[in-house]
């Protein structure tokens, strides 16, 4: 598969004036704690509350009128679901979303609120891919995959494109990893624009399928990971994303749930940013010392902020005050 900077740049043109150009936030406290100059790309302010809108809209806006009239289908634990629902509505289409029964209530409610039909399944015993493929075939819907699609990957890569426009001196880029679409797009853009940059993916300790896969040089499948980072519960890297990531990602590190919670609390206390667990893993890797960034300029993708107030309070109340503040 050919996937290059030009694909990301074309996506940026489609997204211009539609997707939000999210802010890049800095913090002296974060710099002091890490010894780096850190730039946080706050995708919690994206439409739908996460970076996923970029890829979903890039894909859906490329579809023909007949396809849009029939509708689109996606499977997702929440962020891709909301993104597809929003993008479909903007293009005059309708979305059907396959979501796990135990998806966060805030994500289920938001997806319904955007006008999508939700079909639930048991993530522990059923395959969302099989359910999605069957439903798409039965209803004649276009499947919008969460990551394993070049148009989706290209849309996600616009995150790095924007970040490097504001901080062109970046030496290090940290990106959350699930199926691999975000980091595939970001690594492609970053390596083309700044060849010396080091691209590091961050996974939850329980969900390190990409780390294992890169080490083995082939896709490795794991059990559904039990982690608070519900958006990073992929069991295997995407086929297309893995081909890109094994060539362009330099390293994968993992963080534990406690480290994720501490990062969420830190982001709230010091930067006034609400991050869902999956969105906070990059900052968690920096704060916990999993990545040595001292003396370097580091960009971190805060990939989303879709966490309900009750769940957020429940999680951050457990963070040690001495570390969070």
Protein backbone atom coordinates (compact mmCIF):
# COMPACT_ATOMS: atom_id res chain seq x y z
CA UNK A 1 0.00 0.00 0.00
CA UNK A 2 1.24 3.45 -0.91
CA UNK A 3 0.48 5.91 1.88
CA UNK A 4 2.39 9.19 1.95
CA UNK A 5 2.32 12.82 3.09
CA UNK A 6 0.29 13.79 0.03
CA UNK A 7 -2.60 11.65 1.28
CA UNK A 8 -2.61 13.55 4.57
CA UNK A 9 -2.39 16.89 2.79
CA UNK A 10 -5.42 16.00 0.63
CA UNK A 11 -7.30 15.10 3.80
CA UNK A 12 -6.39 18.48 5.29
CA UNK A 13 -7.99 20.17 2.27
CA UNK A 14 -11.23 18.18 2.73
CA UNK A 15 -11.29 19.00 6.44
CA UNK A 16 -10.54 22.72 6.07
CA UNK A 17 -13.39 24.73 7.51
CA UNK A 18 -15.16 21.60 8.76
CA UNK A 19 -12.91 20.08 11.43
CA UNK A 20 -11.75 22.27 14.29
CA UNK A 21 -8.13 23.32 14.26
CA UNK A 22 -7.53 22.27 17.86
CA UNK A 23 -5.29 24.28 20.19
CA UNK A 24 -1.73 23.41 21.15
CA UNK A 25 -1.32 23.90 24.88
CA UNK A 26 1.87 24.35 26.92
CA UNK A 27 2.58 24.28 30.64
CA UNK A 28 5.64 25.41 32.59
CA UNK A 29 4.82 22.84 35.25
CA UNK A 30 4.72 20.04 32.69
CA UNK A 31 8.02 21.23 31.25
CA UNK A 32 9.59 21.29 34.72
CA UNK A 33 8.30 17.82 35.57
CA UNK A 34 9.61 16.30 32.34
CA UNK A 35 12.67 18.42 31.61
CA UNK A 36 11.31 18.93 28.10
CA UNK A 37 9.51 21.61 26.16
CA UNK A 38 6.11 19.96 25.74
CA UNK A 39 3.36 20.84 23.27
CA UNK A 40 -0.02 19.18 23.92
CA UNK A 41 -2.32 18.88 20.89
CA UNK A 42 -5.75 19.05 22.53
CA UNK A 43 -8.04 16.90 20.38
CA UNK A 44 -10.57 16.94 23.22
CA UNK A 45 -11.76 20.13 21.51
CA UNK A 46 -12.36 18.40 18.17
CA UNK A 47 -15.89 17.85 16.87
CA UNK A 48 -17.29 14.84 18.67
CA UNK A 49 -14.70 15.31 21.43
CA UNK A 50 -11.85 13.35 19.83
CA UNK A 51 -9.50 13.13 16.83
CA UNK A 52 -11.71 10.50 15.22
CA UNK A 53 -13.82 13.08 13.41
CA UNK A 54 -10.91 13.82 11.09
CA UNK A 55 -10.68 10.33 9.65
CA UNK A 56 -14.42 9.71 9.63
CA UNK A 57 -15.19 12.90 7.72
CA UNK A 58 -12.35 12.36 5.26
CA UNK A 59 -13.76 8.92 4.46
CA UNK A 60 -17.46 9.82 4.37
CA UNK A 61 -16.94 12.99 2.35
CA UNK A 62 -15.30 10.88 -0.37
CA UNK A 63 -18.43 8.72 -0.85
CA UNK A 64 -20.84 9.15 -3.74
CA UNK A 65 -24.40 10.40 -3.40
CA UNK A 66 -25.99 6.96 -3.85
CA UNK A 67 -23.81 5.51 -1.10
CA UNK A 68 -24.60 8.39 1.22
CA UNK A 69 -28.33 7.92 0.64
CA UNK A 70 -28.09 4.27 1.70
CA UNK A 71 -26.15 5.17 4.82
CA UNK A 72 -22.96 4.20 6.60
CA UNK A 73 -22.08 1.72 9.33
CA UNK A 74 -19.25 1.64 11.85
CA UNK A 75 -18.18 -0.34 14.90
CA UNK A 76 -16.65 1.46 17.84
CA UNK A 77 -16.44 1.70 21.62
CA UNK A 78 -17.37 5.35 21.40
CA UNK A 79 -15.16 7.97 19.77
CA UNK A 80 -15.28 6.62 16.22
CA UNK A 81 -19.00 6.06 16.76
CA UNK A 82 -19.59 9.72 17.56
CA UNK A 83 -17.31 10.86 14.76
CA UNK A 84 -19.12 8.78 12.13
CA UNK A 85 -22.50 9.94 13.43
CA UNK A 86 -21.47 13.61 13.21
CA UNK A 87 -19.78 13.25 9.82
CA UNK A 88 -22.71 11.33 8.35
CA UNK A 89 -25.16 13.99 9.48
CA UNK A 90 -23.01 16.72 7.97
CA UNK A 91 -23.02 14.87 4.62
CA UNK A 92 -26.77 14.24 4.69
CA UNK A 93 -26.41 10.55 5.46
CA UNK A 94 -27.43 8.33 8.37
CA UNK A 95 -25.19 6.20 10.56
CA UNK A 96 -25.70 2.81 12.17
CA UNK A 97 -23.16 2.07 14.91
CA UNK A 98 -22.23 -1.28 16.46
CA UNK A 99 -21.15 -0.55 20.06
CA UNK A 100 -20.25 -2.78 23.03
CA UNK A 101 -22.88 -3.05 25.74
CA UNK A 102 -20.38 -1.84 28.33
CA UNK A 103 -19.29 1.27 26.42
CA UNK A 104 -19.21 4.37 28.65
CA UNK A 105 -22.69 5.80 29.06
CA UNK A 106 -21.48 9.25 28.01
CA UNK A 107 -20.33 7.85 24.66
CA UNK A 108 -23.52 5.86 24.08
CA UNK A 109 -25.70 8.86 24.89
CA UNK A 110 -23.66 11.22 22.73
CA UNK A 111 -23.76 8.86 19.75
CA UNK A 112 -27.54 8.58 20.00
CA UNK A 113 -27.70 12.35 20.39
CA UNK A 114 -25.95 12.80 17.04
CA UNK A 115 -28.77 10.83 15.39
CA UNK A 116 -27.19 7.40 14.96
CA UNK A 117 -28.91 4.05 15.38
CA UNK A 118 -27.01 1.89 17.89
CA UNK A 119 -26.73 -1.89 17.73
CA UNK A 120 -25.09 -3.32 20.86
CA UNK A 121 -23.00 -6.47 21.32
CA UNK A 122 -20.99 -8.26 24.01
CA UNK A 123 -17.33 -7.37 23.46
CA UNK A 124 -16.16 -10.41 25.45
CA UNK A 125 -18.03 -13.06 23.45
CA UNK A 126 -18.97 -11.52 20.09
CA UNK A 127 -16.98 -10.08 17.17
CA UNK A 128 -17.84 -6.53 16.19
CA UNK A 129 -16.15 -7.05 12.84
CA UNK A 130 -18.45 -9.98 12.00
CA UNK A 131 -21.56 -8.19 13.23
CA UNK A 132 -20.61 -5.04 11.30
CA UNK A 133 -19.86 -6.89 8.07
CA UNK A 134 -23.12 -8.84 8.26
CA UNK A 135 -25.21 -5.75 8.97
CA UNK A 136 -23.52 -3.72 6.24
CA UNK A 137 -24.19 -6.46 3.68
CA UNK A 138 -27.78 -6.99 4.85
CA UNK A 139 -28.70 -3.29 4.74
CA UNK A 140 -26.47 -2.15 1.87
CA UNK A 141 -24.50 0.23 4.06
CA UNK A 142 -20.96 1.50 3.51
CA UNK A 143 -18.60 0.27 6.23
CA UNK A 144 -16.46 3.04 7.73
CA UNK A 145 -13.67 1.22 9.54
CA UNK A 146 -12.22 2.80 12.68
CA UNK A 147 -8.60 2.70 11.51
CA UNK A 148 -7.78 0.18 8.75
CA UNK A 149 -8.59 2.45 5.81
CA UNK A 150 -6.18 4.80 4.01
CA UNK A 151 -8.70 7.67 3.98
CA UNK A 152 -9.27 7.31 7.73
CA UNK A 153 -5.52 7.12 8.39
CA UNK A 154 -4.95 10.22 6.26
CA UNK A 155 -7.56 12.21 8.15
CA UNK A 156 -6.01 11.28 11.48
CA UNK A 157 -2.59 12.35 10.19
CA UNK A 158 -3.78 15.95 9.99
CA UNK A 159 -3.30 16.08 13.77
CA UNK A 160 0.48 15.93 13.29
CA UNK A 161 0.31 18.21 10.26
CA UNK A 162 -1.26 20.96 12.36
CA UNK A 163 0.99 20.33 15.36
CA UNK A 164 4.16 20.64 13.29
CA UNK A 165 2.92 23.84 11.71
CA UNK A 166 2.79 25.36 15.21
CA UNK A 167 5.86 23.61 16.63
CA UNK A 168 8.13 22.80 13.67
CA UNK A 169 11.11 22.13 15.93
CA UNK A 170 9.64 18.96 17.47
CA UNK A 171 12.15 16.20 18.12
CA UNK A 172 9.74 13.72 19.70
CA UNK A 173 6.09 12.87 19.03
CA UNK A 174 4.00 10.74 21.41
CA UNK A 175 0.75 9.26 20.11
CA UNK A 176 -1.85 6.93 21.72
CA UNK A 177 -2.15 3.58 19.95
CA UNK A 178 -5.15 1.29 19.55
CA UNK A 179 -5.72 -0.08 16.05
CA UNK A 180 -2.95 2.17 14.78
CA UNK A 181 -4.72 4.62 12.47
CA UNK A 182 -3.82 7.77 14.40
CA UNK A 183 -0.14 6.95 14.75
CA UNK A 184 0.11 5.69 11.15
CA UNK A 185 -1.19 9.00 9.84
CA UNK A 186 0.81 11.09 12.30
CA UNK A 187 4.05 9.16 11.75
CA UNK A 188 3.68 9.50 7.98
CA UNK A 189 3.21 13.27 8.17
CA UNK A 190 5.86 13.81 10.85
CA UNK A 191 8.59 11.71 9.22
CA UNK A 192 8.04 13.43 5.87
CA UNK A 193 8.10 16.94 7.31
CA UNK A 194 10.81 16.35 9.90
CA UNK A 195 12.85 13.22 9.03
CA UNK A 196 14.81 13.22 12.28
CA UNK A 197 11.76 13.18 14.56
CA UNK A 198 11.27 10.20 16.87
CA UNK A 199 7.72 8.83 16.85
CA UNK A 200 6.67 6.89 19.94
CA UNK A 201 3.37 5.10 20.42
CA UNK A 202 1.79 4.66 23.86
CA UNK A 203 -0.42 1.72 24.83
CA UNK A 204 -1.96 0.58 28.13
CA UNK A 205 0.06 -2.17 29.80
CA UNK A 206 -2.81 -4.62 29.42
CA UNK A 207 -3.30 -3.80 25.74
CA UNK A 208 0.16 -3.95 24.18
CA UNK A 209 -0.72 -5.73 20.94
CA UNK A 210 1.16 -3.21 18.80
CA UNK A 211 4.27 -3.36 21.00
CA UNK A 212 4.29 -7.15 20.73
CA UNK A 213 3.57 -7.03 17.01
CA UNK A 214 6.41 -4.63 16.22
CA UNK A 215 8.80 -6.75 18.28
CA UNK A 216 7.70 -9.90 16.40
CA UNK A 217 7.62 -8.12 13.01
CA UNK A 218 4.17 -9.59 12.47
CA UNK A 219 0.67 -8.92 13.82
CA UNK A 220 0.09 -10.46 17.23
CA UNK A 221 -3.41 -10.97 18.62
CA UNK A 222 -4.16 -10.67 22.35
CA UNK A 223 -7.26 -11.07 24.51
CA UNK A 224 -9.52 -8.05 24.98
CA UNK A 225 -7.46 -5.94 27.41
CA UNK A 226 -8.91 -5.00 30.76
CA UNK A 227 -7.97 -1.35 31.18
CA UNK A 228 -9.66 1.94 32.00
CA UNK A 229 -8.49 3.15 28.57
CA UNK A 230 -11.61 1.88 26.80
CA UNK A 231 -10.60 3.50 23.51
CA UNK A 232 -7.36 1.50 23.42
CA UNK A 233 -8.77 -2.00 23.69
CA UNK A 234 -7.79 -3.28 20.26
CA UNK A 235 -6.78 -6.94 20.25
CA UNK A 236 -4.63 -6.75 17.12
CA UNK A 237 -3.15 -3.97 14.97
CA UNK A 238 -4.89 -3.23 11.71
CA UNK A 239 -3.50 -4.94 8.64
CA UNK A 240 -2.88 -1.69 6.75
CA UNK A 241 -1.88 0.36 9.79
CA UNK A 242 0.69 -2.23 10.84
CA UNK A 243 2.38 -2.08 7.43
CA UNK A 244 2.86 1.66 7.92
CA UNK A 245 3.75 1.58 11.61
CA UNK A 246 6.42 -1.08 11.44
CA UNK A 247 8.33 1.19 9.04
CA UNK A 248 7.65 4.60 10.61
CA UNK A 249 7.13 4.15 14.36
CA UNK A 250 10.36 4.11 16.38
CA UNK A 251 9.15 2.71 19.69
CA UNK A 252 6.12 1.65 21.70
CA UNK A 253 5.92 2.18 25.47
CA UNK A 254 3.19 1.16 27.89
CA UNK A 255 1.59 2.83 30.90
CA UNK A 256 -0.49 1.43 33.75
CA UNK A 257 -3.98 2.51 34.75
CA UNK A 258 -2.68 4.35 37.83
CA UNK A 259 -0.26 6.35 35.68
CA UNK A 260 -3.10 7.19 33.30
CA UNK A 261 -5.25 8.48 36.15
CA UNK A 262 -2.41 10.61 37.48
CA UNK A 263 -1.99 12.13 34.03
CA UNK A 264 -5.72 12.87 33.81
CA UNK A 265 -5.58 14.63 37.17
CA UNK A 266 -2.46 16.56 36.18
CA UNK A 267 -4.00 17.73 32.91
CA UNK A 268 -7.12 18.89 34.73
CA UNK A 269 -5.30 20.61 37.60
CA UNK A 270 -2.49 22.24 35.65
CA UNK A 271 -3.67 22.68 32.07
CA UNK A 272 -7.43 22.78 32.71
CA UNK A 273 -7.93 20.04 30.12
CA UNK A 274 -10.36 17.14 30.44
CA UNK A 275 -8.82 13.97 29.03
CA UNK A 276 -10.46 10.58 28.85
CA UNK A 277 -8.15 7.72 29.94
CA UNK A 278 -7.19 6.82 26.37
CA UNK A 279 -6.42 10.44 25.59
CA UNK A 280 -4.06 10.88 28.55
CA UNK A 281 -1.61 8.04 27.86
CA UNK A 282 0.96 10.22 26.10
CA UNK A 283 1.22 12.61 29.02
CA UNK A 284 1.25 9.59 31.35
CA UNK A 285 4.30 8.23 29.52
CA UNK A 286 6.12 11.54 30.01
CA UNK A 287 5.18 12.06 33.65
CA UNK A 288 6.04 8.48 34.60
CA UNK A 289 9.43 8.62 32.92
CA UNK A 290 8.60 5.86 30.44
CA UNK A 291 10.04 8.19 27.80
CA UNK A 292 13.19 10.17 28.43
CA UNK A 293 12.44 13.57 26.94
CA UNK A 294 14.87 15.75 28.89
CA UNK A 295 16.20 18.68 26.90
CA UNK A 296 14.05 17.90 23.89
CA UNK A 297 10.99 19.44 22.27
CA UNK A 298 8.12 16.96 22.55
CA UNK A 299 4.67 16.92 21.02
CA UNK A 300 1.92 14.90 22.68
CA UNK A 301 -1.43 14.04 21.14
CA UNK A 302 -4.21 14.27 23.74
CA UNK A 303 -6.52 12.22 21.58
CA UNK A 304 -9.90 12.80 23.24
CA UNK A 305 -11.94 14.03 26.18
CA UNK A 306 -15.06 11.86 26.04
CA UNK A 307 -15.50 10.91 29.65
CA UNK A 308 -18.62 11.60 31.71
CA UNK A 309 -18.39 13.87 34.76
CA UNK A 310 -19.24 11.07 37.18
CA UNK A 311 -16.67 8.68 35.71
CA UNK A 312 -14.02 11.40 35.55
CA UNK A 313 -14.55 12.33 39.19
CA UNK A 314 -14.50 8.67 40.22
CA UNK A 315 -11.16 8.12 38.50
CA UNK A 316 -9.25 11.27 39.42
CA UNK A 317 -10.34 11.10 43.05
CA UNK A 318 -7.95 8.14 43.32
CA UNK A 319 -4.93 10.08 42.03
CA UNK A 320 -2.34 10.94 44.73
CA UNK A 321 -2.62 14.67 45.41
CA UNK A 322 1.15 15.06 45.67
CA UNK A 323 1.57 13.72 42.13
CA UNK A 324 -1.52 15.26 40.53
CA UNK A 325 -0.91 18.79 41.74
